Amino acid sequence: MTTSAYLYLGAILFAVGALGTLMRPSVVERLVGVELMLAAAMLTFVASAVGFRELEGQVAALLVIGTAVAQASVGFALVARARGPE
């Protein structure tokens, strides 16, 4: 596949994640949309890095992974807080 195909896929994934974030009523479902947008950004960074034969895009993808992990931990904390002590 060409680099442009990966960039188009990233744009489509980002749009789906943005719609999911805007249309869902639940906080956890909105966080899933944000997670999808982060994955789309990571795909775009890596595809650009491969296309331009540079390393900076892959480093940026690692930073996006760190942000996604932090966001997932906030989501898990929200779910645990909503359930309350058992």
N, C-alpha and C. Protein backbone atom coordinates (compact mmCIF):
# COMPACT_ATOMS: atom_id res chain seq x y z
N MET A 1 0.84 -1.18 0.00
CA MET A 1 0.00 0.00 0.00
C MET A 1 0.88 1.24 0.00
N THR A 2 0.36 2.28 -0.56
CA THR A 2 1.12 3.53 -0.61
C THR A 2 0.91 4.32 0.67
N THR A 3 1.76 5.33 0.84
CA THR A 3 1.66 6.18 2.03
C THR A 3 0.35 6.95 2.04
N SER A 4 -0.11 7.37 0.90
CA SER A 4 -1.36 8.13 0.85
C SER A 4 -2.56 7.29 1.30
N ALA A 5 -2.53 5.99 1.04
CA ALA A 5 -3.62 5.13 1.49
C ALA A 5 -3.68 5.09 3.02
N TYR A 6 -2.52 5.02 3.66
CA TYR A 6 -2.48 5.04 5.12
C TYR A 6 -2.95 6.40 5.66
N LEU A 7 -2.60 7.47 4.97
CA LEU A 7 -3.04 8.79 5.41
C LEU A 7 -4.55 8.95 5.26
N TYR A 8 -5.12 8.41 4.20
CA TYR A 8 -6.58 8.44 4.04
C TYR A 8 -7.26 7.61 5.13
N LEU A 9 -6.69 6.45 5.42
CA LEU A 9 -7.24 5.60 6.47
C LEU A 9 -7.20 6.32 7.82
N GLY A 10 -6.08 7.02 8.09
CA GLY A 10 -5.98 7.79 9.32
C GLY A 10 -7.02 8.89 9.39
N ALA A 11 -7.28 9.55 8.27
CA ALA A 11 -8.29 10.61 8.25
C ALA A 11 -9.69 10.06 8.50
N ILE A 12 -9.98 8.91 7.93
CA ILE A 12 -11.29 8.29 8.13
C ILE A 12 -11.45 7.85 9.58
N LEU A 13 -10.42 7.23 10.15
CA LEU A 13 -10.48 6.82 11.55
C LEU A 13 -10.64 8.02 12.48
N PHE A 14 -9.94 9.12 12.18
CA PHE A 14 -10.07 10.31 13.00
C PHE A 14 -11.48 10.87 12.93
N ALA A 15 -12.08 10.87 11.75
CA ALA A 15 -13.44 11.38 11.60
C ALA A 15 -14.44 10.51 12.37
N VAL A 16 -14.27 9.20 12.30
CA VAL A 16 -15.16 8.30 13.04
C VAL A 16 -15.00 8.52 14.54
N GLY A 17 -13.76 8.69 15.00
CA GLY A 17 -13.53 8.95 16.42
C GLY A 17 -14.11 10.28 16.86
N ALA A 18 -14.00 11.30 16.02
CA ALA A 18 -14.56 12.61 16.36
C ALA A 18 -16.09 12.54 16.43
N LEU A 19 -16.71 11.84 15.50
CA LEU A 19 -18.16 11.68 15.55
C LEU A 19 -18.58 10.88 16.77
N GLY A 20 -17.82 9.85 17.10
CA GLY A 20 -18.12 9.07 18.30
C GLY A 20 -17.99 9.88 19.56
N THR A 21 -17.01 10.78 19.59
CA THR A 21 -16.83 11.63 20.76
C THR A 21 -17.96 12.64 20.89
N LEU A 22 -18.41 13.18 19.79
CA LEU A 22 -19.45 14.20 19.84
C LEU A 22 -20.85 13.63 20.02
N MET A 23 -21.09 12.41 19.57
CA MET A 23 -22.45 11.88 19.55
C MET A 23 -22.80 10.99 20.74
N ARG A 24 -21.81 10.51 21.49
CA ARG A 24 -22.09 9.56 22.57
C ARG A 24 -22.39 10.27 23.88
N PRO A 25 -23.37 9.79 24.63
CA PRO A 25 -23.70 10.45 25.89
C PRO A 25 -22.81 10.01 27.06
N SER A 26 -22.29 8.81 27.02
CA SER A 26 -21.51 8.28 28.13
C SER A 26 -20.07 8.77 28.08
N VAL A 27 -19.51 9.01 29.25
CA VAL A 27 -18.12 9.47 29.32
C VAL A 27 -17.17 8.40 28.82
N VAL A 28 -17.43 7.17 29.15
CA VAL A 28 -16.56 6.07 28.72
C VAL A 28 -16.60 5.91 27.20
N GLU A 29 -17.77 6.04 26.62
CA GLU A 29 -17.89 5.94 25.17
C GLU A 29 -17.18 7.11 24.48
N ARG A 30 -17.20 8.27 25.10
CA ARG A 30 -16.47 9.41 24.55
C ARG A 30 -14.97 9.17 24.63
N LEU A 31 -14.52 8.55 25.70
CA LEU A 31 -13.10 8.23 25.82
C LEU A 31 -12.66 7.21 24.77
N VAL A 32 -13.55 6.31 24.39
CA VAL A 32 -13.24 5.37 23.31
C VAL A 32 -13.07 6.13 22.00
N GLY A 33 -13.90 7.14 21.77
CA GLY A 33 -13.74 7.97 20.58
C GLY A 33 -12.42 8.71 20.57
N VAL A 34 -12.03 9.23 21.72
CA VAL A 34 -10.74 9.92 21.83
C VAL A 34 -9.60 8.93 21.59
N GLU A 35 -9.75 7.72 22.08
CA GLU A 35 -8.74 6.68 21.86
C GLU A 35 -8.61 6.36 20.37
N LEU A 36 -9.72 6.33 19.66
CA LEU A 36 -9.69 6.09 18.22
C LEU A 36 -9.01 7.24 17.48
N MET A 37 -9.25 8.47 17.94
CA MET A 37 -8.58 9.62 17.32
C MET A 37 -7.07 9.58 17.59
N LEU A 38 -6.67 9.14 18.77
CA LEU A 38 -5.24 9.02 19.06
C LEU A 38 -4.60 7.93 18.19
N ALA A 39 -5.31 6.84 17.97
CA ALA A 39 -4.79 5.79 17.09
C ALA A 39 -4.65 6.29 15.66
N ALA A 40 -5.60 7.10 15.22
CA ALA A 40 -5.52 7.67 13.87
C ALA A 40 -4.33 8.61 13.75
N ALA A 41 -4.09 9.41 14.78
CA ALA A 41 -2.94 10.31 14.76
C ALA A 41 -1.64 9.51 14.75
N MET A 42 -1.59 8.43 15.51
CA MET A 42 -0.40 7.59 15.53
C MET A 42 -0.15 6.95 14.16
N LEU A 43 -1.20 6.47 13.52
CA LEU A 43 -1.07 5.90 12.19
C LEU A 43 -0.56 6.94 11.19
N THR A 44 -1.04 8.17 11.31
CA THR A 44 -0.60 9.24 10.42
C THR A 44 0.87 9.58 10.65
N PHE A 45 1.29 9.64 11.91
CA PHE A 45 2.69 9.92 12.22
C PHE A 45 3.61 8.85 11.65
N VAL A 46 3.25 7.59 11.85
CA VAL A 46 4.11 6.50 11.38
C VAL A 46 4.13 6.44 9.85
N ALA A 47 2.97 6.64 9.22
CA ALA A 47 2.93 6.62 7.76
C ALA A 47 3.76 7.76 7.18
N SER A 48 3.70 8.92 7.80
CA SER A 48 4.51 10.04 7.32
C SER A 48 5.99 9.78 7.54
N ALA A 49 6.33 9.17 8.65
CA ALA A 49 7.74 8.86 8.92
C ALA A 49 8.29 7.87 7.90
N VAL A 50 7.49 6.90 7.54
CA VAL A 50 7.94 5.93 6.54
C VAL A 50 8.03 6.60 5.17
N GLY A 51 7.05 7.44 4.86
CA GLY A 51 7.03 8.10 3.55
C GLY A 51 8.19 9.06 3.36
N PHE A 52 8.55 9.79 4.41
CA PHE A 52 9.65 10.75 4.32
C PHE A 52 10.99 10.18 4.76
N ARG A 53 10.98 8.92 5.20
CA ARG A 53 12.19 8.24 5.70
C ARG A 53 12.86 9.04 6.81
N GLU A 54 12.05 9.47 7.77
CA GLU A 54 12.52 10.21 8.93
C GLU A 54 12.12 9.46 10.20
N LEU A 55 12.81 9.74 11.28
CA LEU A 55 12.55 9.06 12.54
C LEU A 55 11.59 9.83 13.45
N GLU A 56 11.41 11.12 13.20
CA GLU A 56 10.63 11.96 14.10
C GLU A 56 9.17 11.52 14.21
N GLY A 57 8.60 11.01 13.14
CA GLY A 57 7.21 10.55 13.17
C GLY A 57 7.03 9.36 14.09
N GLN A 58 8.02 8.48 14.12
CA GLN A 58 7.93 7.33 15.01
C GLN A 58 8.11 7.74 16.46
N VAL A 59 8.94 8.73 16.71
CA VAL A 59 9.09 9.25 18.07
C VAL A 59 7.79 9.90 18.52
N ALA A 60 7.15 10.64 17.63
CA ALA A 60 5.86 11.26 17.95
C ALA A 60 4.81 10.18 18.22
N ALA A 61 4.87 9.06 17.50
CA ALA A 61 3.93 7.97 17.74
C ALA A 61 4.13 7.38 19.13
N LEU A 62 5.36 7.31 19.59
CA LEU A 62 5.61 6.84 20.96
C LEU A 62 5.01 7.80 21.99
N LEU A 63 5.08 9.09 21.72
CA LEU A 63 4.46 10.06 22.62
C LEU A 63 2.93 9.91 22.61
N VAL A 64 2.37 9.61 21.45
CA VAL A 64 0.93 9.40 21.36
C VAL A 64 0.54 8.15 22.14
N ILE A 65 1.36 7.11 22.11
CA ILE A 65 1.09 5.91 22.89
C ILE A 65 1.08 6.23 24.37
N GLY A 66 2.03 7.05 24.81
CA GLY A 66 2.05 7.46 26.22
C GLY A 66 0.81 8.24 26.61
N THR A 67 0.36 9.11 25.73
CA THR A 67 -0.87 9.87 25.99
C THR A 67 -2.08 8.94 26.02
N ALA A 68 -2.12 7.96 25.15
CA ALA A 68 -3.23 7.02 25.13
C ALA A 68 -3.27 6.17 26.40
N VAL A 69 -2.12 5.81 26.90
CA VAL A 69 -2.07 5.03 28.15
C VAL A 69 -2.59 5.88 29.31
N ALA A 70 -2.18 7.14 29.36
CA ALA A 70 -2.67 8.03 30.42
C ALA A 70 -4.18 8.23 30.31
N GLN A 71 -4.68 8.36 29.10
CA GLN A 71 -6.11 8.54 28.89
C GLN A 71 -6.88 7.28 29.28
N ALA A 72 -6.33 6.12 28.98
CA ALA A 72 -6.99 4.87 29.34
C ALA A 72 -7.03 4.70 30.86
N SER A 73 -5.98 5.11 31.54
CA SER A 73 -5.99 4.99 33.00
C SER A 73 -7.03 5.93 33.61
N VAL A 74 -7.23 7.10 33.04
CA VAL A 74 -8.29 7.99 33.51
C VAL A 74 -9.65 7.35 33.26
N GLY A 75 -9.83 6.72 32.13
CA GLY A 75 -11.09 6.03 31.84
C GLY A 75 -11.37 4.90 32.82
N PHE A 76 -10.35 4.12 33.13
CA PHE A 76 -10.52 3.04 34.11
C PHE A 76 -10.85 3.60 35.48
N ALA A 77 -10.23 4.71 35.85
CA ALA A 77 -10.52 5.33 37.14
C ALA A 77 -11.95 5.83 37.20
N LEU A 78 -12.44 6.39 36.08
CA LEU A 78 -13.84 6.84 36.04
C LEU A 78 -14.82 5.67 36.19
N VAL A 79 -14.52 4.57 35.55
CA VAL A 79 -15.39 3.39 35.66
C VAL A 79 -15.36 2.86 37.09
N ALA A 80 -14.18 2.80 37.68
CA ALA A 80 -14.07 2.29 39.06
C ALA A 80 -14.78 3.24 40.03
N ARG A 81 -14.69 4.53 39.79
CA ARG A 81 -15.33 5.52 40.67
C ARG A 81 -16.85 5.44 40.53
N ALA A 82 -17.34 5.18 39.33
CA ALA A 82 -18.78 5.11 39.10
C ALA A 82 -19.40 3.90 39.80
N ARG A 83 -18.66 2.82 39.88
CA ARG A 83 -19.17 1.63 40.53
C ARG A 83 -19.21 1.76 42.05
N GLY A 84 -18.28 2.53 42.58
CA GLY A 84 -18.24 2.77 44.02
C GLY A 84 -17.65 1.59 44.76
N PRO A 85 -17.54 1.73 46.07
CA PRO A 85 -16.97 0.63 46.87
C PRO A 85 -17.91 -0.55 46.92
N GLU A 86 -17.35 -1.72 46.82
CA GLU A 86 -18.18 -2.93 46.84
C GLU A 86 -17.86 -3.78 48.02
